[in-house]
mmCIF file of all heavy atoms, coordinates in Angstrom:
data_MODEL
# 
_entry.id   MODEL 
# 
loop_
_atom_site.group_PDB 
_atom_site.id 
_atom_site.type_symbol 
_atom_site.label_atom_id 
_atom_site.label_alt_id 
_atom_site.label_comp_id 
_atom_site.label_asym_id 
_atom_site.label_entity_id 
_atom_site.label_seq_id 
_atom_site.pdbx_PDB_ins_code 
_atom_site.Cartn_x 
_atom_site.Cartn_y 
_atom_site.Cartn_z 
_atom_site.occupancy 
_atom_site.B_iso_or_equiv 
_atom_site.pdbx_formal_charge 
_atom_site.auth_seq_id 
_atom_site.auth_comp_id 
_atom_site.auth_asym_id 
_atom_site.auth_atom_id 
_atom_site.pdbx_PDB_model_num 
ATOM 1   N N   . GLY A 1 1  ? 0.811   -1.202 -0.001  1.00 0.00 ? 1  GLY A N   1 
ATOM 2   C CA  . GLY A 1 1  ? 0.001   -0.001 0.001   1.00 0.00 ? 1  GLY A CA  1 
ATOM 3   C C   . GLY A 1 1  ? 0.844   1.254  0.001   1.00 0.00 ? 1  GLY A C   1 
ATOM 4   O O   . GLY A 1 1  ? 2.070   1.210  0.193   1.00 0.00 ? 1  GLY A O   1 
ATOM 5   N N   . ILE A 1 2  ? 0.187   2.386  -0.226  1.00 0.00 ? 2  ILE A N   1 
ATOM 6   C CA  . ILE A 1 2  ? 0.851   3.688  -0.234  1.00 0.00 ? 2  ILE A CA  1 
ATOM 7   C C   . ILE A 1 2  ? -0.171  4.736  0.194   1.00 0.00 ? 2  ILE A C   1 
ATOM 8   O O   . ILE A 1 2  ? -1.337  4.660  -0.193  1.00 0.00 ? 2  ILE A O   1 
ATOM 9   C CB  . ILE A 1 2  ? 1.439   4.001  -1.633  1.00 0.00 ? 2  ILE A CB  1 
ATOM 10  C CG1 . ILE A 1 2  ? 2.243   5.297  -1.616  1.00 0.00 ? 2  ILE A CG1 1 
ATOM 11  C CG2 . ILE A 1 2  ? 0.349   4.041  -2.693  1.00 0.00 ? 2  ILE A CG2 1 
ATOM 12  C CD1 . ILE A 1 2  ? 3.057   5.507  -2.903  1.00 0.00 ? 2  ILE A CD1 1 
ATOM 13  N N   . TYR A 1 3  ? 0.268   5.706  1.011   1.00 0.00 ? 3  TYR A N   1 
ATOM 14  C CA  . TYR A 1 3  ? -0.718  6.690  1.483   1.00 0.00 ? 3  TYR A CA  1 
ATOM 15  C C   . TYR A 1 3  ? -0.079  8.021  1.852   1.00 0.00 ? 3  TYR A C   1 
ATOM 16  O O   . TYR A 1 3  ? 1.142   8.153  1.933   1.00 0.00 ? 3  TYR A O   1 
ATOM 17  C CB  . TYR A 1 3  ? -1.517  6.126  2.651   1.00 0.00 ? 3  TYR A CB  1 
ATOM 18  C CG  . TYR A 1 3  ? -0.797  5.970  3.981   1.00 0.00 ? 3  TYR A CG  1 
ATOM 19  C CD1 . TYR A 1 3  ? -1.065  6.843  5.036   1.00 0.00 ? 3  TYR A CD1 1 
ATOM 20  C CD2 . TYR A 1 3  ? 0.101   4.925  4.225   1.00 0.00 ? 3  TYR A CD2 1 
ATOM 21  C CE1 . TYR A 1 3  ? -0.470  6.697  6.280   1.00 0.00 ? 3  TYR A CE1 1 
ATOM 22  C CE2 . TYR A 1 3  ? 0.693   4.750  5.464   1.00 0.00 ? 3  TYR A CE2 1 
ATOM 23  C CZ  . TYR A 1 3  ? 0.411   5.645  6.489   1.00 0.00 ? 3  TYR A CZ  1 
ATOM 24  O OH  . TYR A 1 3  ? 1.022   5.490  7.725   1.00 0.00 ? 3  TYR A OH  1 
ATOM 25  N N   . THR A 1 4  ? -0.942  9.008  2.066   1.00 0.00 ? 4  THR A N   1 
ATOM 26  C CA  . THR A 1 4  ? -0.548  10.309 2.578   1.00 0.00 ? 4  THR A CA  1 
ATOM 27  C C   . THR A 1 4  ? -1.548  10.736 3.633   1.00 0.00 ? 4  THR A C   1 
ATOM 28  O O   . THR A 1 4  ? -2.535  10.043 3.888   1.00 0.00 ? 4  THR A O   1 
ATOM 29  C CB  . THR A 1 4  ? -0.465  11.352 1.444   1.00 0.00 ? 4  THR A CB  1 
ATOM 30  O OG1 . THR A 1 4  ? 0.211   12.516 1.930   1.00 0.00 ? 4  THR A OG1 1 
ATOM 31  C CG2 . THR A 1 4  ? -1.859  11.755 0.952   1.00 0.00 ? 4  THR A CG2 1 
ATOM 32  N N   . HIS A 1 5  ? -1.280  11.883 4.268   1.00 0.00 ? 5  HIS A N   1 
ATOM 33  C CA  . HIS A 1 5  ? -2.169  12.389 5.321   1.00 0.00 ? 5  HIS A CA  1 
ATOM 34  C C   . HIS A 1 5  ? -2.436  13.866 5.080   1.00 0.00 ? 5  HIS A C   1 
ATOM 35  O O   . HIS A 1 5  ? -1.500  14.643 4.844   1.00 0.00 ? 5  HIS A O   1 
ATOM 36  C CB  . HIS A 1 5  ? -1.530  12.191 6.693   1.00 0.00 ? 5  HIS A CB  1 
ATOM 37  C CG  . HIS A 1 5  ? -2.457  12.472 7.837   1.00 0.00 ? 5  HIS A CG  1 
ATOM 38  N ND1 . HIS A 1 5  ? -3.603  11.748 8.058   1.00 0.00 ? 5  HIS A ND1 1 
ATOM 39  C CD2 . HIS A 1 5  ? -2.390  13.403 8.824   1.00 0.00 ? 5  HIS A CD2 1 
ATOM 40  C CE1 . HIS A 1 5  ? -4.206  12.210 9.138   1.00 0.00 ? 5  HIS A CE1 1 
ATOM 41  N NE2 . HIS A 1 5  ? -3.514  13.211 9.617   1.00 0.00 ? 5  HIS A NE2 1 
ATOM 42  N N   . PHE A 1 6  ? -3.711  14.249 5.121   1.00 0.00 ? 6  PHE A N   1 
ATOM 43  C CA  . PHE A 1 6  ? -4.085  15.637 4.869   1.00 0.00 ? 6  PHE A CA  1 
ATOM 44  C C   . PHE A 1 6  ? -3.892  16.480 6.132   1.00 0.00 ? 6  PHE A C   1 
ATOM 45  O O   . PHE A 1 6  ? -4.267  16.072 7.229   1.00 0.00 ? 6  PHE A O   1 
ATOM 46  C CB  . PHE A 1 6  ? -5.537  15.719 4.415   1.00 0.00 ? 6  PHE A CB  1 
ATOM 47  C CG  . PHE A 1 6  ? -5.805  15.041 3.100   1.00 0.00 ? 6  PHE A CG  1 
ATOM 48  C CD1 . PHE A 1 6  ? -6.858  14.144 2.963   1.00 0.00 ? 6  PHE A CD1 1 
ATOM 49  C CD2 . PHE A 1 6  ? -5.008  15.296 2.000   1.00 0.00 ? 6  PHE A CD2 1 
ATOM 50  C CE1 . PHE A 1 6  ? -7.114  13.519 1.753   1.00 0.00 ? 6  PHE A CE1 1 
ATOM 51  C CE2 . PHE A 1 6  ? -5.254  14.683 0.780   1.00 0.00 ? 6  PHE A CE2 1 
ATOM 52  C CZ  . PHE A 1 6  ? -6.310  13.790 0.662   1.00 0.00 ? 6  PHE A CZ  1 
ATOM 53  N N   . SER A 1 7  ? -3.382  17.686 5.943   1.00 0.00 ? 7  SER A N   1 
ATOM 54  C CA  . SER A 1 7  ? -3.077  18.547 7.086   1.00 0.00 ? 7  SER A CA  1 
ATOM 55  C C   . SER A 1 7  ? -4.217  19.469 7.491   1.00 0.00 ? 7  SER A C   1 
ATOM 56  O O   . SER A 1 7  ? -4.298  19.876 8.650   1.00 0.00 ? 7  SER A O   1 
ATOM 57  C CB  . SER A 1 7  ? -1.845  19.406 6.769   1.00 0.00 ? 7  SER A CB  1 
ATOM 58  O OG  . SER A 1 7  ? -2.099  20.252 5.654   1.00 0.00 ? 7  SER A OG  1 
ATOM 59  N N   . SER A 1 8  ? -5.104  19.798 6.556   1.00 0.00 ? 8  SER A N   1 
ATOM 60  C CA  . SER A 1 8  ? -6.087  20.854 6.842   1.00 0.00 ? 8  SER A CA  1 
ATOM 61  C C   . SER A 1 8  ? -7.488  20.545 6.350   1.00 0.00 ? 8  SER A C   1 
ATOM 62  O O   . SER A 1 8  ? -8.238  21.456 5.998   1.00 0.00 ? 8  SER A O   1 
ATOM 63  C CB  . SER A 1 8  ? -5.613  22.181 6.217   1.00 0.00 ? 8  SER A CB  1 
ATOM 64  O OG  . SER A 1 8  ? -4.327  22.515 6.657   1.00 0.00 ? 8  SER A OG  1 
ATOM 65  N N   . ALA A 1 9  ? -7.842  19.276 6.325   1.00 0.00 ? 9  ALA A N   1 
ATOM 66  C CA  . ALA A 1 9  ? -9.163  18.913 5.801   1.00 0.00 ? 9  ALA A CA  1 
ATOM 67  C C   . ALA A 1 9  ? -10.292 19.404 6.689   1.00 0.00 ? 9  ALA A C   1 
ATOM 68  O O   . ALA A 1 9  ? -11.442 19.449 6.270   1.00 0.00 ? 9  ALA A O   1 
ATOM 69  C CB  . ALA A 1 9  ? -9.254  17.395 5.637   1.00 0.00 ? 9  ALA A CB  1 
ATOM 70  N N   . PHE A 1 10 ? -9.968  19.819 7.935   1.00 0.00 ? 10 PHE A N   1 
ATOM 71  C CA  . PHE A 1 10 ? -10.986 20.383 8.820   1.00 0.00 ? 10 PHE A CA  1 
ATOM 72  C C   . PHE A 1 10 ? -11.598 21.646 8.216   1.00 0.00 ? 10 PHE A C   1 
ATOM 73  O O   . PHE A 1 10 ? -12.780 21.906 8.386   1.00 0.00 ? 10 PHE A O   1 
ATOM 74  C CB  . PHE A 1 10 ? -10.362 20.762 10.174  1.00 0.00 ? 10 PHE A CB  1 
ATOM 75  C CG  . PHE A 1 10 ? -9.765  19.611 10.933  1.00 0.00 ? 10 PHE A CG  1 
ATOM 76  C CD1 . PHE A 1 10 ? -8.418  19.333 10.866  1.00 0.00 ? 10 PHE A CD1 1 
ATOM 77  C CD2 . PHE A 1 10 ? -10.573 18.808 11.725  1.00 0.00 ? 10 PHE A CD2 1 
ATOM 78  C CE1 . PHE A 1 10 ? -7.868  18.290 11.577  1.00 0.00 ? 10 PHE A CE1 1 
ATOM 79  C CE2 . PHE A 1 10 ? -10.036 17.750 12.438  1.00 0.00 ? 10 PHE A CE2 1 
ATOM 80  C CZ  . PHE A 1 10 ? -8.681  17.488 12.367  1.00 0.00 ? 10 PHE A CZ  1 
ATOM 81  N N   . ARG A 1 11 ? -10.739 22.446 7.546   1.00 0.00 ? 11 ARG A N   1 
ATOM 82  C CA  . ARG A 1 11 ? -11.213 23.776 7.157   1.00 0.00 ? 11 ARG A CA  1 
ATOM 83  C C   . ARG A 1 11 ? -10.728 24.276 5.800   1.00 0.00 ? 11 ARG A C   1 
ATOM 84  O O   . ARG A 1 11 ? -11.109 25.351 5.385   1.00 0.00 ? 11 ARG A O   1 
ATOM 85  C CB  . ARG A 1 11 ? -10.790 24.796 8.217   1.00 0.00 ? 11 ARG A CB  1 
ATOM 86  C CG  . ARG A 1 11 ? -9.290  24.895 8.428   1.00 0.00 ? 11 ARG A CG  1 
ATOM 87  C CD  . ARG A 1 11 ? -8.940  25.833 9.594   1.00 0.00 ? 11 ARG A CD  1 
ATOM 88  N NE  . ARG A 1 11 ? -7.514  25.901 9.848   1.00 0.00 ? 11 ARG A NE  1 
ATOM 89  C CZ  . ARG A 1 11 ? -6.686  26.747 9.263   1.00 0.00 ? 11 ARG A CZ  1 
ATOM 90  N NH1 . ARG A 1 11 ? -7.143  27.599 8.368   1.00 0.00 ? 11 ARG A NH1 1 
ATOM 91  N NH2 . ARG A 1 11 ? -5.399  26.751 9.555   1.00 0.00 ? 11 ARG A NH2 1 
ATOM 92  N N   . ASN A 1 12 ? -9.883  23.505 5.109   1.00 0.00 ? 12 ASN A N   1 
ATOM 93  C CA  . ASN A 1 12 ? -9.320  24.008 3.858   1.00 0.00 ? 12 ASN A CA  1 
ATOM 94  C C   . ASN A 1 12 ? -9.423  22.950 2.766   1.00 0.00 ? 12 ASN A C   1 
ATOM 95  O O   . ASN A 1 12 ? -8.485  22.180 2.526   1.00 0.00 ? 12 ASN A O   1 
ATOM 96  C CB  . ASN A 1 12 ? -7.852  24.411 4.080   1.00 0.00 ? 12 ASN A CB  1 
ATOM 97  C CG  . ASN A 1 12 ? -7.309  25.260 2.938   1.00 0.00 ? 12 ASN A CG  1 
ATOM 98  O OD1 . ASN A 1 12 ? -7.736  25.123 1.800   1.00 0.00 ? 12 ASN A OD1 1 
ATOM 99  N ND2 . ASN A 1 12 ? -6.368  26.131 3.250   1.00 0.00 ? 12 ASN A ND2 1 
ATOM 100 N N   . ALA A 1 13 ? -10.557 22.917 2.100   1.00 0.00 ? 13 ALA A N   1 
ATOM 101 C CA  . ALA A 1 13 ? -10.797 21.921 1.062   1.00 0.00 ? 13 ALA A CA  1 
ATOM 102 C C   . ALA A 1 13 ? -9.857  22.124 -0.129  1.00 0.00 ? 13 ALA A C   1 
ATOM 103 O O   . ALA A 1 13 ? -9.398  21.157 -0.739  1.00 0.00 ? 13 ALA A O   1 
ATOM 104 C CB  . ALA A 1 13 ? -12.252 21.988 0.605   1.00 0.00 ? 13 ALA A CB  1 
ATOM 105 N N   . GLU A 1 14 ? -9.561  23.378 -0.451  1.00 0.00 ? 14 GLU A N   1 
ATOM 106 C CA  . GLU A 1 14 ? -8.706  23.656 -1.605  1.00 0.00 ? 14 GLU A CA  1 
ATOM 107 C C   . GLU A 1 14 ? -7.298  23.093 -1.390  1.00 0.00 ? 14 GLU A C   1 
ATOM 108 O O   . GLU A 1 14 ? -6.732  22.445 -2.274  1.00 0.00 ? 14 GLU A O   1 
ATOM 109 C CB  . GLU A 1 14 ? -8.639  25.160 -1.852  1.00 0.00 ? 14 GLU A CB  1 
ATOM 110 C CG  . GLU A 1 14 ? -7.827  25.532 -3.095  1.00 0.00 ? 14 GLU A CG  1 
ATOM 111 C CD  . GLU A 1 14 ? -7.830  27.027 -3.369  1.00 0.00 ? 14 GLU A CD  1 
ATOM 112 O OE1 . GLU A 1 14 ? -8.646  27.747 -2.750  1.00 0.00 ? 14 GLU A OE1 1 
ATOM 113 O OE2 . GLU A 1 14 ? -7.012  27.473 -4.187  1.00 0.00 ? 14 GLU A OE2 1 
ATOM 114 N N   . LEU A 1 15 ? -6.732  23.336 -0.208  1.00 0.00 ? 15 LEU A N   1 
ATOM 115 C CA  . LEU A 1 15 ? -5.404  22.801 0.094   1.00 0.00 ? 15 LEU A CA  1 
ATOM 116 C C   . LEU A 1 15 ? -5.422  21.281 0.098   1.00 0.00 ? 15 LEU A C   1 
ATOM 117 O O   . LEU A 1 15 ? -4.479  20.634 -0.362  1.00 0.00 ? 15 LEU A O   1 
ATOM 118 C CB  . LEU A 1 15 ? -4.914  23.332 1.444   1.00 0.00 ? 15 LEU A CB  1 
ATOM 119 C CG  . LEU A 1 15 ? -3.560  22.798 1.930   1.00 0.00 ? 15 LEU A CG  1 
ATOM 120 C CD1 . LEU A 1 15 ? -2.459  23.116 0.928   1.00 0.00 ? 15 LEU A CD1 1 
ATOM 121 C CD2 . LEU A 1 15 ? -3.222  23.375 3.306   1.00 0.00 ? 15 LEU A CD2 1 
ATOM 122 N N   . THR A 1 16 ? -6.493  20.698 0.610   1.00 0.00 ? 16 THR A N   1 
ATOM 123 C CA  . THR A 1 16 ? -6.615  19.243 0.643   1.00 0.00 ? 16 THR A CA  1 
ATOM 124 C C   . THR A 1 16 ? -6.590  18.667 -0.771  1.00 0.00 ? 16 THR A C   1 
ATOM 125 O O   . THR A 1 16 ? -5.934  17.647 -1.028  1.00 0.00 ? 16 THR A O   1 
ATOM 126 C CB  . THR A 1 16 ? -7.908  18.837 1.364   1.00 0.00 ? 16 THR A CB  1 
ATOM 127 O OG1 . THR A 1 16 ? -7.881  19.350 2.705   1.00 0.00 ? 16 THR A OG1 1 
ATOM 128 C CG2 . THR A 1 16 ? -8.069  17.324 1.409   1.00 0.00 ? 16 THR A CG2 1 
ATOM 129 N N   . LYS A 1 17 ? -7.283  19.312 -1.690  1.00 0.00 ? 17 LYS A N   1 
ATOM 130 C CA  . LYS A 1 17 ? -7.298  18.839 -3.078  1.00 0.00 ? 17 LYS A CA  1 
ATOM 131 C C   . LYS A 1 17 ? -5.924  18.988 -3.735  1.00 0.00 ? 17 LYS A C   1 
ATOM 132 O O   . LYS A 1 17 ? -5.528  18.163 -4.556  1.00 0.00 ? 17 LYS A O   1 
ATOM 133 C CB  . LYS A 1 17 ? -8.372  19.590 -3.870  1.00 0.00 ? 17 LYS A CB  1 
ATOM 134 C CG  . LYS A 1 17 ? -9.790  19.200 -3.445  1.00 0.00 ? 17 LYS A CG  1 
ATOM 135 C CD  . LYS A 1 17 ? -10.845 19.977 -4.200  1.00 0.00 ? 17 LYS A CD  1 
ATOM 136 C CE  . LYS A 1 17 ? -12.243 19.551 -3.783  1.00 0.00 ? 17 LYS A CE  1 
ATOM 137 N NZ  . LYS A 1 17 ? -13.297 20.311 -4.486  1.00 0.00 ? 17 LYS A NZ  1 
ATOM 138 N N   . ILE A 1 18 ? -5.202  20.046 -3.357  1.00 0.00 ? 18 ILE A N   1 
ATOM 139 C CA  . ILE A 1 18 ? -3.833  20.217 -3.873  1.00 0.00 ? 18 ILE A CA  1 
ATOM 140 C C   . ILE A 1 18 ? -2.945  19.086 -3.372  1.00 0.00 ? 18 ILE A C   1 
ATOM 141 O O   . ILE A 1 18 ? -2.154  18.509 -4.126  1.00 0.00 ? 18 ILE A O   1 
ATOM 142 C CB  . ILE A 1 18 ? -3.268  21.586 -3.445  1.00 0.00 ? 18 ILE A CB  1 
ATOM 143 C CG1 . ILE A 1 18 ? -3.996  22.721 -4.179  1.00 0.00 ? 18 ILE A CG1 1 
ATOM 144 C CG2 . ILE A 1 18 ? -1.763  21.658 -3.707  1.00 0.00 ? 18 ILE A CG2 1 
ATOM 145 C CD1 . ILE A 1 18 ? -3.645  24.104 -3.673  1.00 0.00 ? 18 ILE A CD1 1 
ATOM 146 N N   . GLN A 1 19 ? -3.091  18.748 -2.094  1.00 0.00 ? 19 GLN A N   1 
ATOM 147 C CA  . GLN A 1 19 ? -2.326  17.632 -1.535  1.00 0.00 ? 19 GLN A CA  1 
ATOM 148 C C   . GLN A 1 19 ? -2.664  16.329 -2.256  1.00 0.00 ? 19 GLN A C   1 
ATOM 149 O O   . GLN A 1 19 ? -1.778  15.510 -2.534  1.00 0.00 ? 19 GLN A O   1 
ATOM 150 C CB  . GLN A 1 19 ? -2.615  17.479 -0.036  1.00 0.00 ? 19 GLN A CB  1 
ATOM 151 C CG  . GLN A 1 19 ? -1.924  18.484 0.858   1.00 0.00 ? 19 GLN A CG  1 
ATOM 152 C CD  . GLN A 1 19 ? -2.092  18.139 2.325   1.00 0.00 ? 19 GLN A CD  1 
ATOM 153 O OE1 . GLN A 1 19 ? -2.960  18.678 2.999   1.00 0.00 ? 19 GLN A OE1 1 
ATOM 154 N NE2 . GLN A 1 19 ? -1.271  17.234 2.819   1.00 0.00 ? 19 GLN A NE2 1 
ATOM 155 N N   . LEU A 1 20 ? -3.945  16.139 -2.537  1.00 0.00 ? 20 LEU A N   1 
ATOM 156 C CA  . LEU A 1 20 ? -4.368  14.915 -3.209  1.00 0.00 ? 20 LEU A CA  1 
ATOM 157 C C   . LEU A 1 20 ? -3.768  14.826 -4.610  1.00 0.00 ? 20 LEU A C   1 
ATOM 158 O O   . LEU A 1 20 ? -3.300  13.751 -5.030  1.00 0.00 ? 20 LEU A O   1 
ATOM 159 C CB  . LEU A 1 20 ? -5.896  14.858 -3.279  1.00 0.00 ? 20 LEU A CB  1 
ATOM 160 C CG  . LEU A 1 20 ? -6.492  13.595 -3.913  1.00 0.00 ? 20 LEU A CG  1 
ATOM 161 C CD1 . LEU A 1 20 ? -6.073  12.350 -3.139  1.00 0.00 ? 20 LEU A CD1 1 
ATOM 162 C CD2 . LEU A 1 20 ? -8.009  13.693 -3.982  1.00 0.00 ? 20 LEU A CD2 1 
ATOM 163 N N   . THR A 1 21 ? -3.755  15.933 -5.322  1.00 0.00 ? 21 THR A N   1 
ATOM 164 C CA  . THR A 1 21 ? -3.162  15.950 -6.669  1.00 0.00 ? 21 THR A CA  1 
ATOM 165 C C   . THR A 1 21 ? -1.672  15.638 -6.610  1.00 0.00 ? 21 THR A C   1 
ATOM 166 O O   . THR A 1 21 ? -1.150  14.854 -7.418  1.00 0.00 ? 21 THR A O   1 
ATOM 167 C CB  . THR A 1 21 ? -3.376  17.317 -7.333  1.00 0.00 ? 21 THR A CB  1 
ATOM 168 O OG1 . THR A 1 21 ? -4.781  17.559 -7.471  1.00 0.00 ? 21 THR A OG1 1 
ATOM 169 C CG2 . THR A 1 21 ? -2.725  17.371 -8.712  1.00 0.00 ? 21 THR A CG2 1 
ATOM 170 N N   . LEU A 1 22 ? -0.990  16.229 -5.654  1.00 0.00 ? 22 LEU A N   1 
ATOM 171 C CA  . LEU A 1 22 ? 0.436   15.977 -5.478  1.00 0.00 ? 22 LEU A CA  1 
ATOM 172 C C   . LEU A 1 22 ? 0.699   14.508 -5.162  1.00 0.00 ? 22 LEU A C   1 
ATOM 173 O O   . LEU A 1 22 ? 1.633   13.889 -5.688  1.00 0.00 ? 22 LEU A O   1 
ATOM 174 C CB  . LEU A 1 22 ? 0.976   16.874 -4.362  1.00 0.00 ? 22 LEU A CB  1 
ATOM 175 C CG  . LEU A 1 22 ? 2.482   16.867 -4.105  1.00 0.00 ? 22 LEU A CG  1 
ATOM 176 C CD1 . LEU A 1 22 ? 3.251   17.271 -5.360  1.00 0.00 ? 22 LEU A CD1 1 
ATOM 177 C CD2 . LEU A 1 22 ? 2.808   17.808 -2.950  1.00 0.00 ? 22 LEU A CD2 1 
ATOM 178 N N   . PHE A 1 23 ? -0.150  13.956 -4.324  1.00 0.00 ? 23 PHE A N   1 
ATOM 179 C CA  . PHE A 1 23 ? -0.031  12.542 -3.962  1.00 0.00 ? 23 PHE A CA  1 
ATOM 180 C C   . PHE A 1 23 ? -0.249  11.648 -5.181  1.00 0.00 ? 23 PHE A C   1 
ATOM 181 O O   . PHE A 1 23 ? 0.542   10.720 -5.438  1.00 0.00 ? 23 PHE A O   1 
ATOM 182 C CB  . PHE A 1 23 ? -1.043  12.218 -2.868  1.00 0.00 ? 23 PHE A CB  1 
ATOM 183 C CG  . PHE A 1 23 ? -1.097  10.765 -2.484  1.00 0.00 ? 23 PHE A CG  1 
ATOM 184 C CD1 . PHE A 1 23 ? 0.033   10.101 -2.001  1.00 0.00 ? 23 PHE A CD1 1 
ATOM 185 C CD2 . PHE A 1 23 ? -2.297  10.050 -2.574  1.00 0.00 ? 23 PHE A CD2 1 
ATOM 186 C CE1 . PHE A 1 23 ? -0.026  8.761  -1.643  1.00 0.00 ? 23 PHE A CE1 1 
ATOM 187 C CE2 . PHE A 1 23 ? -2.358  8.720  -2.208  1.00 0.00 ? 23 PHE A CE2 1 
ATOM 188 C CZ  . PHE A 1 23 ? -1.226  8.072  -1.751  1.00 0.00 ? 23 PHE A CZ  1 
ATOM 189 N N   . ARG A 1 24 ? -1.300  11.922 -5.941  1.00 0.00 ? 24 ARG A N   1 
ATOM 190 C CA  . ARG A 1 24 ? -1.582  11.105 -7.122  1.00 0.00 ? 24 ARG A CA  1 
ATOM 191 C C   . ARG A 1 24 ? -0.409  11.139 -8.107  1.00 0.00 ? 24 ARG A C   1 
ATOM 192 O O   . ARG A 1 24 ? -0.021  10.102 -8.668  1.00 0.00 ? 24 ARG A O   1 
ATOM 193 C CB  . ARG A 1 24 ? -2.847  11.618 -7.827  1.00 0.00 ? 24 ARG A CB  1 
ATOM 194 C CG  . ARG A 1 24 ? -4.161  11.310 -7.116  1.00 0.00 ? 24 ARG A CG  1 
ATOM 195 C CD  . ARG A 1 24 ? -5.303  11.875 -7.952  1.00 0.00 ? 24 ARG A CD  1 
ATOM 196 N NE  . ARG A 1 24 ? -6.611  11.725 -7.352  1.00 0.00 ? 24 ARG A NE  1 
ATOM 197 C CZ  . ARG A 1 24 ? -7.386  10.643 -7.471  1.00 0.00 ? 24 ARG A CZ  1 
ATOM 198 N NH1 . ARG A 1 24 ? -6.942  9.603  -8.163  1.00 0.00 ? 24 ARG A NH1 1 
ATOM 199 N NH2 . ARG A 1 24 ? -8.578  10.609 -6.915  1.00 0.00 ? 24 ARG A NH2 1 
ATOM 200 N N   . ASP A 1 25 ? 0.155   12.316 -8.309  1.00 0.00 ? 25 ASP A N   1 
ATOM 201 C CA  . ASP A 1 25 ? 1.285   12.444 -9.235  1.00 0.00 ? 25 ASP A CA  1 
ATOM 202 C C   . ASP A 1 25 ? 2.486   11.622 -8.755  1.00 0.00 ? 25 ASP A C   1 
ATOM 203 O O   . ASP A 1 25 ? 3.161   10.959 -9.556  1.00 0.00 ? 25 ASP A O   1 
ATOM 204 C CB  . ASP A 1 25 ? 1.693   13.921 -9.375  1.00 0.00 ? 25 ASP A CB  1 
ATOM 205 C CG  . ASP A 1 25 ? 0.658   14.747 -10.128 1.00 0.00 ? 25 ASP A CG  1 
ATOM 206 O OD1 . ASP A 1 25 ? -0.212  14.143 -10.779 1.00 0.00 ? 25 ASP A OD1 1 
ATOM 207 O OD2 . ASP A 1 25 ? 0.734   15.992 -10.052 1.00 0.00 ? 25 ASP A OD2 1 
ATOM 208 N N   . THR A 1 26 ? 2.737   11.669 -7.461  1.00 0.00 ? 26 THR A N   1 
ATOM 209 C CA  . THR A 1 26 ? 3.864   10.919 -6.890  1.00 0.00 ? 26 THR A CA  1 
ATOM 210 C C   . THR A 1 26 ? 3.629   9.420  -7.016  1.00 0.00 ? 26 THR A C   1 
ATOM 211 O O   . THR A 1 26 ? 4.553   8.651  -7.348  1.00 0.00 ? 26 THR A O   1 
ATOM 212 C CB  . THR A 1 26 ? 4.081   11.305 -5.416  1.00 0.00 ? 26 THR A CB  1 
ATOM 213 O OG1 . THR A 1 26 ? 4.225   12.727 -5.312  1.00 0.00 ? 26 THR A OG1 1 
ATOM 214 C CG2 . THR A 1 26 ? 5.325   10.635 -4.852  1.00 0.00 ? 26 THR A CG2 1 
# 
């Protein structure tokens, strides 16, 4: 498996989506 962890999903959906895109690319 492979995973990441979101830092600001409590209040920042835009940053969370940026993290997700970065993760997918990696």
